[in-house]
């Protein structure tokens, strides 16, 4: 696993979309990555899996010329779906690291 900062992760998502002509959400190829939050982002202890959220390049935050910065993600533990990461980062949650899923 290649650990990235959130900035590096976001840049690679943008690059992928630009290289593959993704200009509209839901069109074109899809890649997935995981954003892992720091343990101290929460008031109680959570495992790394419980702090990990899977998202795709198909979010408006990663597509040029969109009128939104939305990033919808699902927790890897299967408890939270469609969490708006852009609402929590960086005000409440801090990103520990990110990685792309292997194909």
N, C-alpha and C. Protein backbone atom coordinates (compact mmCIF):
# COMPACT_ATOMS: atom_id res chain seq x y z
N UNK A 1 0.85 -1.18 0.00
CA UNK A 1 0.00 0.00 0.00
C UNK A 1 0.89 1.24 0.00
N UNK A 2 0.59 2.16 -0.89
CA UNK A 2 1.32 3.41 -1.00
C UNK A 2 0.54 4.49 -0.26
N UNK A 3 1.02 4.90 0.92
CA UNK A 3 0.33 5.91 1.72
C UNK A 3 0.57 7.30 1.13
N UNK A 4 -0.51 8.06 1.03
CA UNK A 4 -0.47 9.42 0.48
C UNK A 4 -1.09 10.39 1.47
N UNK A 5 -0.70 11.66 1.37
CA UNK A 5 -1.42 12.70 2.11
C UNK A 5 -2.75 12.93 1.39
N UNK A 6 -3.66 13.62 2.06
CA UNK A 6 -4.93 13.91 1.41
C UNK A 6 -4.73 14.79 0.18
N UNK A 7 -3.79 15.73 0.24
CA UNK A 7 -3.50 16.57 -0.92
C UNK A 7 -2.99 15.77 -2.11
N UNK A 8 -2.09 14.83 -1.85
CA UNK A 8 -1.58 13.96 -2.92
C UNK A 8 -2.69 13.09 -3.49
N UNK A 9 -3.53 12.56 -2.62
CA UNK A 9 -4.66 11.72 -3.02
C UNK A 9 -5.61 12.51 -3.93
N UNK A 10 -5.96 13.70 -3.50
CA UNK A 10 -6.86 14.56 -4.28
C UNK A 10 -6.25 14.88 -5.64
N UNK A 11 -4.95 15.20 -5.66
CA UNK A 11 -4.27 15.52 -6.92
C UNK A 11 -4.28 14.33 -7.88
N UNK A 12 -4.05 13.13 -7.36
CA UNK A 12 -4.07 11.94 -8.22
C UNK A 12 -5.48 11.66 -8.75
N UNK A 13 -6.49 11.93 -7.96
CA UNK A 13 -7.88 11.77 -8.43
C UNK A 13 -8.15 12.75 -9.57
N UNK A 14 -7.74 14.02 -9.39
CA UNK A 14 -7.92 15.02 -10.45
C UNK A 14 -7.18 14.60 -11.72
N UNK A 15 -5.93 14.17 -11.57
CA UNK A 15 -5.13 13.74 -12.72
C UNK A 15 -5.78 12.57 -13.46
N UNK A 16 -6.26 11.59 -12.70
CA UNK A 16 -6.93 10.44 -13.31
C UNK A 16 -8.13 10.91 -14.14
N UNK A 17 -8.94 11.79 -13.56
CA UNK A 17 -10.13 12.27 -14.27
C UNK A 17 -9.76 13.06 -15.52
N UNK A 18 -8.73 13.88 -15.41
CA UNK A 18 -8.30 14.67 -16.57
C UNK A 18 -7.79 13.75 -17.68
N UNK A 19 -6.95 12.78 -17.32
CA UNK A 19 -6.38 11.85 -18.30
C UNK A 19 -7.43 10.96 -18.95
N UNK A 20 -8.52 10.69 -18.24
CA UNK A 20 -9.54 9.78 -18.74
C UNK A 20 -10.81 10.48 -19.20
N UNK A 21 -10.77 11.81 -19.29
CA UNK A 21 -11.90 12.56 -19.81
C UNK A 21 -13.14 12.53 -18.94
N UNK A 22 -12.97 12.36 -17.64
CA UNK A 22 -14.12 12.37 -16.73
C UNK A 22 -14.46 13.82 -16.44
N UNK A 23 -15.56 14.29 -17.00
CA UNK A 23 -15.98 15.68 -16.82
C UNK A 23 -17.35 15.80 -16.16
N UNK A 24 -18.03 14.66 -16.00
CA UNK A 24 -19.36 14.63 -15.40
C UNK A 24 -19.41 13.44 -14.44
N UNK A 25 -20.00 13.66 -13.28
CA UNK A 25 -20.14 12.58 -12.30
C UNK A 25 -20.91 11.42 -12.90
N UNK A 26 -20.37 10.21 -12.74
CA UNK A 26 -21.05 9.01 -13.23
C UNK A 26 -20.67 8.59 -14.64
N UNK A 27 -19.82 9.35 -15.30
CA UNK A 27 -19.40 9.02 -16.66
C UNK A 27 -17.91 8.71 -16.67
N UNK A 28 -17.52 7.68 -17.39
CA UNK A 28 -16.12 7.34 -17.53
C UNK A 28 -15.67 6.31 -16.50
N UNK A 29 -14.37 5.95 -16.56
CA UNK A 29 -13.84 4.92 -15.67
C UNK A 29 -13.83 5.37 -14.22
N UNK A 30 -13.83 4.40 -13.32
CA UNK A 30 -13.87 4.67 -11.89
C UNK A 30 -12.70 4.01 -11.18
N UNK A 31 -12.07 4.76 -10.29
CA UNK A 31 -11.07 4.20 -9.39
C UNK A 31 -11.52 4.49 -7.96
N UNK A 32 -11.05 3.67 -7.03
CA UNK A 32 -11.44 3.82 -5.64
C UNK A 32 -10.22 4.00 -4.76
N UNK A 33 -10.40 4.79 -3.73
CA UNK A 33 -9.37 5.00 -2.74
C UNK A 33 -9.98 5.06 -1.36
N UNK A 34 -9.12 5.03 -0.37
CA UNK A 34 -9.56 5.04 1.03
C UNK A 34 -8.88 6.20 1.75
N UNK A 35 -9.68 6.91 2.55
CA UNK A 35 -9.20 8.00 3.38
C UNK A 35 -9.30 7.53 4.83
N UNK A 36 -8.18 7.52 5.53
CA UNK A 36 -8.13 7.04 6.92
C UNK A 36 -7.97 8.25 7.84
N UNK A 37 -8.87 8.38 8.79
CA UNK A 37 -8.83 9.49 9.74
C UNK A 37 -7.92 9.14 10.92
N UNK A 38 -7.38 10.16 11.59
CA UNK A 38 -6.56 9.94 12.77
C UNK A 38 -7.43 9.47 13.93
N UNK A 39 -6.85 8.73 14.84
CA UNK A 39 -7.59 8.24 16.01
C UNK A 39 -8.09 9.40 16.87
N UNK A 40 -7.33 10.49 16.95
CA UNK A 40 -7.75 11.60 17.80
C UNK A 40 -8.80 12.51 17.15
N UNK A 41 -9.28 12.14 15.98
CA UNK A 41 -10.38 12.88 15.35
C UNK A 41 -11.72 12.59 16.03
N UNK A 42 -11.74 11.57 16.86
CA UNK A 42 -12.99 11.11 17.47
C UNK A 42 -12.88 11.14 18.99
N UNK A 43 -14.02 11.26 19.65
CA UNK A 43 -14.05 11.34 21.11
C UNK A 43 -13.98 9.98 21.79
N UNK A 44 -14.17 8.91 21.03
CA UNK A 44 -14.02 7.57 21.59
C UNK A 44 -13.14 6.75 20.65
N UNK A 45 -12.59 5.65 21.14
CA UNK A 45 -11.68 4.87 20.30
C UNK A 45 -12.40 4.10 19.18
N UNK A 46 -11.80 4.15 18.01
CA UNK A 46 -12.28 3.40 16.85
C UNK A 46 -11.09 2.67 16.24
N UNK A 47 -11.34 1.51 15.68
CA UNK A 47 -10.29 0.79 14.98
C UNK A 47 -9.94 1.51 13.68
N UNK A 48 -8.85 1.12 13.07
CA UNK A 48 -8.46 1.74 11.80
C UNK A 48 -9.53 1.51 10.74
N UNK A 49 -10.12 0.33 10.71
CA UNK A 49 -11.18 0.04 9.74
C UNK A 49 -12.38 0.95 9.98
N UNK A 50 -12.72 1.21 11.23
CA UNK A 50 -13.85 2.07 11.57
C UNK A 50 -13.58 3.54 11.25
N UNK A 51 -12.31 3.89 11.06
CA UNK A 51 -11.92 5.27 10.71
C UNK A 51 -11.59 5.42 9.24
N UNK A 52 -11.86 4.39 8.43
CA UNK A 52 -11.48 4.37 7.01
C UNK A 52 -12.71 4.50 6.12
N UNK A 53 -12.63 5.40 5.15
CA UNK A 53 -13.76 5.70 4.27
C UNK A 53 -13.36 5.54 2.80
N UNK A 54 -14.14 4.78 2.07
CA UNK A 54 -13.88 4.48 0.66
C UNK A 54 -14.65 5.45 -0.23
N UNK A 55 -13.95 6.06 -1.18
CA UNK A 55 -14.60 6.97 -2.13
C UNK A 55 -14.03 6.73 -3.52
N UNK A 56 -14.66 7.33 -4.51
CA UNK A 56 -14.20 7.17 -5.89
C UNK A 56 -13.89 8.52 -6.51
N UNK A 57 -13.30 8.45 -7.69
CA UNK A 57 -13.01 9.65 -8.47
C UNK A 57 -14.27 10.30 -9.00
N UNK A 58 -15.40 9.63 -8.87
CA UNK A 58 -16.67 10.13 -9.40
C UNK A 58 -17.34 11.17 -8.49
N UNK A 59 -16.62 11.67 -7.52
CA UNK A 59 -17.12 12.73 -6.65
C UNK A 59 -16.80 14.09 -7.27
N UNK A 60 -17.69 15.04 -7.09
CA UNK A 60 -17.52 16.35 -7.73
C UNK A 60 -16.26 17.07 -7.29
N UNK A 61 -15.77 16.81 -6.10
CA UNK A 61 -14.54 17.46 -5.62
C UNK A 61 -13.34 17.11 -6.48
N UNK A 62 -13.41 16.00 -7.21
CA UNK A 62 -12.28 15.54 -8.02
C UNK A 62 -12.47 15.80 -9.51
N UNK A 63 -13.58 16.42 -9.89
CA UNK A 63 -13.89 16.67 -11.30
C UNK A 63 -13.82 18.18 -11.56
N UNK A 64 -13.06 18.56 -12.56
CA UNK A 64 -12.88 19.98 -12.89
C UNK A 64 -14.21 20.64 -13.24
N UNK A 65 -14.31 21.91 -12.90
CA UNK A 65 -15.44 22.77 -13.26
C UNK A 65 -16.78 22.34 -12.68
N UNK A 66 -16.76 21.68 -11.53
CA UNK A 66 -18.01 21.32 -10.86
C UNK A 66 -18.36 22.43 -9.86
N UNK A 67 -19.62 22.58 -9.57
CA UNK A 67 -20.08 23.63 -8.66
C UNK A 67 -20.16 23.12 -7.21
N UNK A 68 -19.46 22.06 -6.90
CA UNK A 68 -19.51 21.47 -5.57
C UNK A 68 -18.16 20.85 -5.24
N UNK A 69 -17.89 20.72 -3.95
CA UNK A 69 -16.69 20.04 -3.48
C UNK A 69 -17.05 18.76 -2.75
N UNK A 70 -18.19 18.19 -3.08
CA UNK A 70 -18.69 17.03 -2.34
C UNK A 70 -17.83 15.79 -2.55
N UNK A 71 -17.64 15.08 -1.44
CA UNK A 71 -16.95 13.79 -1.45
C UNK A 71 -17.81 12.85 -0.60
N UNK A 72 -18.51 11.94 -1.25
CA UNK A 72 -19.32 10.95 -0.56
C UNK A 72 -18.49 9.68 -0.39
N UNK A 73 -18.51 9.10 0.81
CA UNK A 73 -17.70 7.92 1.08
C UNK A 73 -18.44 6.98 2.02
N UNK A 74 -18.05 5.71 1.96
CA UNK A 74 -18.63 4.67 2.82
C UNK A 74 -17.56 4.14 3.75
N UNK A 75 -17.91 3.97 5.03
CA UNK A 75 -16.98 3.43 6.01
C UNK A 75 -16.69 1.97 5.68
N UNK A 76 -15.43 1.58 5.82
CA UNK A 76 -15.04 0.21 5.50
C UNK A 76 -15.66 -0.82 6.44
N UNK A 77 -16.11 -0.40 7.62
CA UNK A 77 -16.71 -1.36 8.54
C UNK A 77 -18.17 -1.64 8.23
N UNK A 78 -18.73 -0.95 7.23
CA UNK A 78 -20.10 -1.21 6.81
C UNK A 78 -21.17 -0.53 7.65
N UNK A 79 -20.80 0.45 8.48
CA UNK A 79 -21.80 1.09 9.34
C UNK A 79 -22.28 2.44 8.81
N UNK A 80 -21.45 3.17 8.13
CA UNK A 80 -21.81 4.50 7.61
C UNK A 80 -21.70 4.51 6.10
N UNK A 81 -22.76 4.97 5.45
CA UNK A 81 -22.78 5.03 3.98
C UNK A 81 -23.10 6.45 3.55
N UNK A 82 -22.43 6.91 2.52
CA UNK A 82 -22.70 8.24 1.97
C UNK A 82 -22.30 9.38 2.88
N UNK A 83 -21.25 9.19 3.66
CA UNK A 83 -20.77 10.24 4.55
C UNK A 83 -20.12 11.34 3.72
N UNK A 84 -20.49 12.59 4.00
CA UNK A 84 -19.93 13.74 3.29
C UNK A 84 -18.59 14.11 3.91
N UNK A 85 -17.51 13.52 3.42
CA UNK A 85 -16.20 13.80 3.98
C UNK A 85 -15.85 15.28 3.91
N UNK A 86 -16.29 15.95 2.84
CA UNK A 86 -15.98 17.36 2.69
C UNK A 86 -16.60 18.21 3.79
N UNK A 87 -17.60 17.70 4.49
CA UNK A 87 -18.19 18.43 5.62
C UNK A 87 -17.36 18.27 6.89
N UNK A 88 -16.58 17.19 6.97
CA UNK A 88 -15.82 16.89 8.18
C UNK A 88 -14.33 17.24 8.08
N UNK A 89 -13.78 17.18 6.88
CA UNK A 89 -12.36 17.48 6.68
C UNK A 89 -12.24 18.95 6.29
N UNK A 90 -11.43 19.76 6.85
CA UNK A 90 -10.53 19.52 7.98
C UNK A 90 -11.08 20.04 9.31
N UNK A 91 -12.33 20.47 9.36
CA UNK A 91 -12.82 21.12 10.57
C UNK A 91 -12.95 20.18 11.77
N UNK A 92 -13.43 18.96 11.56
CA UNK A 92 -13.64 18.03 12.67
C UNK A 92 -12.71 16.83 12.62
N UNK A 93 -12.50 16.28 11.45
CA UNK A 93 -11.68 15.09 11.30
C UNK A 93 -10.37 15.45 10.61
N UNK A 94 -9.30 14.81 11.06
CA UNK A 94 -7.99 14.99 10.43
C UNK A 94 -7.63 13.71 9.68
N UNK A 95 -7.12 13.89 8.49
CA UNK A 95 -6.73 12.73 7.67
C UNK A 95 -5.37 12.24 8.14
N UNK A 96 -5.30 10.95 8.42
CA UNK A 96 -4.03 10.31 8.77
C UNK A 96 -3.26 10.01 7.49
N UNK A 97 -3.89 9.27 6.58
CA UNK A 97 -3.30 8.97 5.28
C UNK A 97 -4.38 8.45 4.34
N UNK A 98 -4.03 8.34 3.08
CA UNK A 98 -4.94 7.83 2.04
C UNK A 98 -4.19 6.79 1.22
N UNK A 99 -4.94 5.95 0.53
CA UNK A 99 -4.34 5.00 -0.40
C UNK A 99 -5.36 4.61 -1.46
N UNK A 100 -4.86 4.12 -2.58
CA UNK A 100 -5.73 3.64 -3.64
C UNK A 100 -5.87 2.14 -3.54
N UNK A 101 -7.06 1.63 -3.81
CA UNK A 101 -7.29 0.20 -3.79
C UNK A 101 -6.60 -0.45 -4.98
N UNK A 102 -6.10 -1.62 -4.76
CA UNK A 102 -5.48 -2.39 -5.85
C UNK A 102 -6.56 -2.93 -6.75
N UNK A 103 -6.28 -2.97 -8.03
CA UNK A 103 -7.29 -3.50 -8.97
C UNK A 103 -7.12 -4.99 -9.12
